């Protein structure tokens, strides 16, 4: 099954926009809830993702972000979205 390269070019802006929405939601929850119990972090993260219109995510990824925030470990998505946004400004 071959993929038309133009499909990739058309998808990239949508992927970047989705990652930016996820990054904003994760960043807000990281700022407000880092180090708090997982049971508090995950529902707050789900709500933030829904508010950013990024609620359609693999549940395991939401679990991973929530666990990282709860443990006080900055989720890599925050660095990745900063890199994406920096790249657009150049």
N, C-alpha and C. Protein backbone atom coordinates (compact mmCIF):
# COMPACT_ATOMS: atom_id res chain seq x y z
N UNK A 1 0.84 -1.17 0.00
CA UNK A 1 0.00 0.00 0.00
C UNK A 1 0.89 1.24 0.00
N UNK A 2 0.86 1.97 -1.08
CA UNK A 2 1.68 3.17 -1.21
C UNK A 2 0.91 4.38 -0.66
N UNK A 3 1.66 5.31 -0.12
CA UNK A 3 1.07 6.54 0.40
C UNK A 3 1.54 7.70 -0.45
N UNK A 4 0.62 8.52 -0.84
CA UNK A 4 0.94 9.70 -1.64
C UNK A 4 1.65 10.71 -0.74
N UNK A 5 2.85 11.17 -1.13
CA UNK A 5 3.59 12.14 -0.29
C UNK A 5 2.80 13.41 0.01
N UNK A 6 1.90 13.80 -0.87
CA UNK A 6 1.12 15.00 -0.61
C UNK A 6 0.19 14.82 0.59
N UNK A 7 -0.22 13.58 0.86
CA UNK A 7 -1.05 13.32 2.04
C UNK A 7 -0.28 13.65 3.31
N UNK A 8 1.00 13.33 3.31
CA UNK A 8 1.84 13.65 4.47
C UNK A 8 1.91 15.16 4.65
N UNK A 9 2.17 15.87 3.55
CA UNK A 9 2.27 17.33 3.62
C UNK A 9 0.98 17.96 4.12
N UNK A 10 -0.14 17.40 3.74
CA UNK A 10 -1.43 17.92 4.18
C UNK A 10 -1.69 17.61 5.66
N UNK A 11 -1.16 16.49 6.14
CA UNK A 11 -1.41 16.06 7.52
C UNK A 11 -0.54 16.78 8.54
N UNK A 12 0.66 17.19 8.15
CA UNK A 12 1.62 17.77 9.09
C UNK A 12 1.05 18.96 9.87
N UNK A 13 0.41 19.94 9.24
CA UNK A 13 -0.13 21.06 10.03
C UNK A 13 -1.16 20.61 11.06
N UNK A 14 -1.95 19.61 10.72
CA UNK A 14 -2.96 19.11 11.66
C UNK A 14 -2.29 18.40 12.84
N UNK A 15 -1.25 17.65 12.55
CA UNK A 15 -0.51 16.95 13.61
C UNK A 15 0.16 17.96 14.54
N UNK A 16 0.80 18.97 13.96
CA UNK A 16 1.45 20.00 14.77
C UNK A 16 0.43 20.72 15.65
N UNK A 17 -0.72 21.03 15.10
CA UNK A 17 -1.76 21.72 15.88
C UNK A 17 -2.25 20.85 17.03
N UNK A 18 -2.43 19.55 16.76
CA UNK A 18 -2.89 18.64 17.81
C UNK A 18 -1.82 18.53 18.91
N UNK A 19 -0.56 18.38 18.52
CA UNK A 19 0.52 18.31 19.51
C UNK A 19 0.59 19.58 20.34
N UNK A 20 0.36 20.71 19.71
CA UNK A 20 0.38 21.98 20.46
C UNK A 20 -0.75 22.01 21.48
N UNK A 21 -1.95 21.54 21.10
CA UNK A 21 -3.08 21.50 22.04
C UNK A 21 -2.77 20.56 23.20
N UNK A 22 -2.21 19.39 22.89
CA UNK A 22 -1.84 18.44 23.95
C UNK A 22 -0.78 19.07 24.85
N UNK A 23 0.20 19.69 24.25
CA UNK A 23 1.27 20.33 25.03
C UNK A 23 0.75 21.40 25.96
N UNK A 24 -0.20 22.20 25.48
CA UNK A 24 -0.79 23.24 26.35
C UNK A 24 -1.52 22.62 27.54
N UNK A 25 -2.30 21.59 27.26
CA UNK A 25 -3.05 20.93 28.34
C UNK A 25 -2.11 20.30 29.35
N UNK A 26 -1.13 19.56 28.86
CA UNK A 26 -0.17 18.90 29.76
C UNK A 26 0.62 19.96 30.54
N UNK A 27 1.00 21.03 29.87
CA UNK A 27 1.76 22.08 30.54
C UNK A 27 0.98 22.74 31.67
N UNK A 28 -0.31 23.00 31.43
CA UNK A 28 -1.13 23.60 32.49
C UNK A 28 -1.23 22.66 33.69
N UNK A 29 -1.44 21.40 33.41
CA UNK A 29 -1.59 20.44 34.51
C UNK A 29 -0.25 20.22 35.20
N UNK A 30 0.84 20.21 34.45
CA UNK A 30 2.17 20.10 35.04
C UNK A 30 2.41 21.25 36.02
N UNK A 31 2.08 22.46 35.59
CA UNK A 31 2.29 23.64 36.43
C UNK A 31 1.44 23.59 37.70
N UNK A 32 0.20 23.15 37.56
CA UNK A 32 -0.73 23.18 38.69
C UNK A 32 -0.67 21.94 39.58
N UNK A 33 -0.23 20.79 39.04
CA UNK A 33 -0.38 19.54 39.78
C UNK A 33 0.88 18.69 39.92
N UNK A 34 2.04 19.17 39.50
CA UNK A 34 3.25 18.36 39.60
C UNK A 34 3.46 17.90 41.03
N UNK A 35 3.69 16.61 41.19
CA UNK A 35 3.95 16.03 42.50
C UNK A 35 2.70 15.63 43.27
N UNK A 36 1.52 15.92 42.75
CA UNK A 36 0.28 15.55 43.44
C UNK A 36 -0.07 14.10 43.12
N UNK A 37 -0.95 13.51 43.90
CA UNK A 37 -1.33 12.11 43.68
C UNK A 37 -1.93 11.88 42.29
N UNK A 38 -1.61 10.74 41.72
CA UNK A 38 -2.09 10.35 40.40
C UNK A 38 -3.61 10.47 40.30
N UNK A 39 -4.31 10.08 41.36
CA UNK A 39 -5.77 10.13 41.37
C UNK A 39 -6.33 11.53 41.21
N UNK A 40 -5.55 12.53 41.51
CA UNK A 40 -5.97 13.93 41.30
C UNK A 40 -5.49 14.44 39.94
N UNK A 41 -4.32 13.98 39.53
CA UNK A 41 -3.71 14.49 38.30
C UNK A 41 -4.47 14.01 37.06
N UNK A 42 -4.79 12.71 37.00
CA UNK A 42 -5.38 12.16 35.78
C UNK A 42 -6.71 12.81 35.42
N UNK A 43 -7.66 12.94 36.37
CA UNK A 43 -8.92 13.60 35.99
C UNK A 43 -8.71 15.06 35.56
N UNK A 44 -7.80 15.75 36.20
CA UNK A 44 -7.52 17.13 35.81
C UNK A 44 -6.93 17.17 34.40
N UNK A 45 -6.09 16.21 34.08
CA UNK A 45 -5.49 16.15 32.75
C UNK A 45 -6.55 15.84 31.69
N UNK A 46 -7.42 14.90 31.97
CA UNK A 46 -8.50 14.57 31.03
C UNK A 46 -9.35 15.81 30.76
N UNK A 47 -9.69 16.53 31.80
CA UNK A 47 -10.50 17.75 31.64
C UNK A 47 -9.75 18.80 30.81
N UNK A 48 -8.46 18.98 31.09
CA UNK A 48 -7.67 19.97 30.34
C UNK A 48 -7.55 19.58 28.87
N UNK A 49 -7.39 18.29 28.60
CA UNK A 49 -7.30 17.83 27.20
C UNK A 49 -8.62 18.09 26.48
N UNK A 50 -9.73 17.84 27.16
CA UNK A 50 -11.03 18.08 26.55
C UNK A 50 -11.24 19.57 26.27
N UNK A 51 -10.82 20.43 27.19
CA UNK A 51 -10.95 21.87 26.99
C UNK A 51 -10.12 22.36 25.81
N UNK A 52 -9.00 21.69 25.55
CA UNK A 52 -8.13 22.05 24.42
C UNK A 52 -8.56 21.37 23.13
N UNK A 53 -9.66 20.62 23.18
CA UNK A 53 -10.13 19.85 22.03
C UNK A 53 -9.08 18.82 21.59
N UNK A 54 -8.43 18.23 22.59
CA UNK A 54 -7.42 17.20 22.34
C UNK A 54 -7.76 15.94 23.14
N UNK A 55 -9.04 15.75 23.44
CA UNK A 55 -9.46 14.65 24.29
C UNK A 55 -9.34 13.27 23.67
N UNK A 56 -9.29 13.20 22.35
CA UNK A 56 -9.18 11.89 21.70
C UNK A 56 -7.73 11.44 21.71
N UNK A 57 -7.36 10.75 22.77
CA UNK A 57 -5.99 10.25 22.91
C UNK A 57 -6.04 8.82 23.39
N UNK A 58 -4.99 8.10 23.12
CA UNK A 58 -4.87 6.73 23.60
C UNK A 58 -4.82 6.80 25.13
N UNK A 59 -5.68 6.05 25.83
CA UNK A 59 -5.74 6.13 27.29
C UNK A 59 -4.38 5.86 27.96
N UNK A 60 -3.59 4.99 27.38
CA UNK A 60 -2.29 4.68 27.96
C UNK A 60 -1.36 5.89 27.93
N UNK A 61 -1.51 6.73 26.92
CA UNK A 61 -0.70 7.94 26.84
C UNK A 61 -1.13 8.95 27.90
N UNK A 62 -2.43 9.06 28.11
CA UNK A 62 -2.93 9.93 29.18
C UNK A 62 -2.42 9.42 30.53
N UNK A 63 -2.46 8.10 30.72
CA UNK A 63 -1.94 7.50 31.95
C UNK A 63 -0.46 7.84 32.14
N UNK A 64 0.32 7.73 31.07
CA UNK A 64 1.75 8.01 31.13
C UNK A 64 2.00 9.47 31.52
N UNK A 65 1.31 10.39 30.85
CA UNK A 65 1.49 11.80 31.19
C UNK A 65 1.08 12.07 32.64
N UNK A 66 -0.03 11.50 33.07
CA UNK A 66 -0.51 11.71 34.44
C UNK A 66 0.49 11.15 35.44
N UNK A 67 1.03 9.98 35.14
CA UNK A 67 2.01 9.38 36.05
C UNK A 67 3.27 10.24 36.13
N UNK A 68 3.74 10.73 34.98
CA UNK A 68 4.94 11.57 34.97
C UNK A 68 4.70 12.86 35.76
N UNK A 69 3.56 13.46 35.57
CA UNK A 69 3.24 14.69 36.30
C UNK A 69 3.16 14.40 37.80
N UNK A 70 2.51 13.31 38.15
CA UNK A 70 2.37 12.94 39.56
C UNK A 70 3.74 12.68 40.20
N UNK A 71 4.64 12.08 39.45
CA UNK A 71 5.99 11.79 39.97
C UNK A 71 6.88 13.03 39.98
N UNK A 72 6.40 14.11 39.37
CA UNK A 72 7.20 15.33 39.32
C UNK A 72 8.21 15.33 38.18
N UNK A 73 8.02 14.43 37.21
CA UNK A 73 8.90 14.34 36.06
C UNK A 73 8.25 15.09 34.90
N UNK A 74 8.95 16.06 34.34
CA UNK A 74 8.37 16.82 33.23
C UNK A 74 8.16 15.90 32.03
N UNK A 75 6.93 15.79 31.56
CA UNK A 75 6.66 14.92 30.40
C UNK A 75 7.40 15.43 29.16
N UNK A 76 7.99 14.53 28.39
CA UNK A 76 8.73 14.92 27.18
C UNK A 76 7.90 15.70 26.17
N UNK A 77 6.59 15.56 26.19
CA UNK A 77 5.74 16.30 25.24
C UNK A 77 5.95 17.80 25.40
N UNK A 78 6.28 18.25 26.59
CA UNK A 78 6.47 19.69 26.80
C UNK A 78 7.69 20.17 26.03
N UNK A 79 8.78 19.42 26.07
CA UNK A 79 9.97 19.78 25.31
C UNK A 79 9.71 19.67 23.82
N UNK A 80 9.00 18.62 23.42
CA UNK A 80 8.71 18.41 22.00
C UNK A 80 7.87 19.53 21.43
N UNK A 81 6.85 19.96 22.15
CA UNK A 81 6.00 21.02 21.62
C UNK A 81 6.72 22.36 21.62
N UNK A 82 7.63 22.58 22.57
CA UNK A 82 8.43 23.80 22.53
C UNK A 82 9.30 23.80 21.28
N UNK A 83 9.89 22.65 20.95
CA UNK A 83 10.72 22.53 19.76
C UNK A 83 9.90 22.78 18.50
N UNK A 84 8.70 22.24 18.44
CA UNK A 84 7.83 22.43 17.28
C UNK A 84 7.50 23.92 17.14
N UNK A 85 7.11 24.55 18.22
CA UNK A 85 6.74 25.96 18.17
C UNK A 85 7.93 26.83 17.82
N UNK A 86 9.12 26.50 18.37
CA UNK A 86 10.32 27.25 18.04
C UNK A 86 10.64 27.12 16.56
N UNK A 87 10.45 25.94 16.00
CA UNK A 87 10.72 25.71 14.59
C UNK A 87 9.83 26.53 13.69
N UNK A 88 8.61 26.79 14.10
CA UNK A 88 7.68 27.57 13.30
C UNK A 88 8.04 29.06 13.31
N UNK A 89 8.73 29.49 14.35
CA UNK A 89 9.05 30.91 14.47
C UNK A 89 10.28 31.28 13.64
N UNK A 90 11.04 30.32 13.21
CA UNK A 90 12.27 30.60 12.46
C UNK A 90 12.00 31.04 11.06
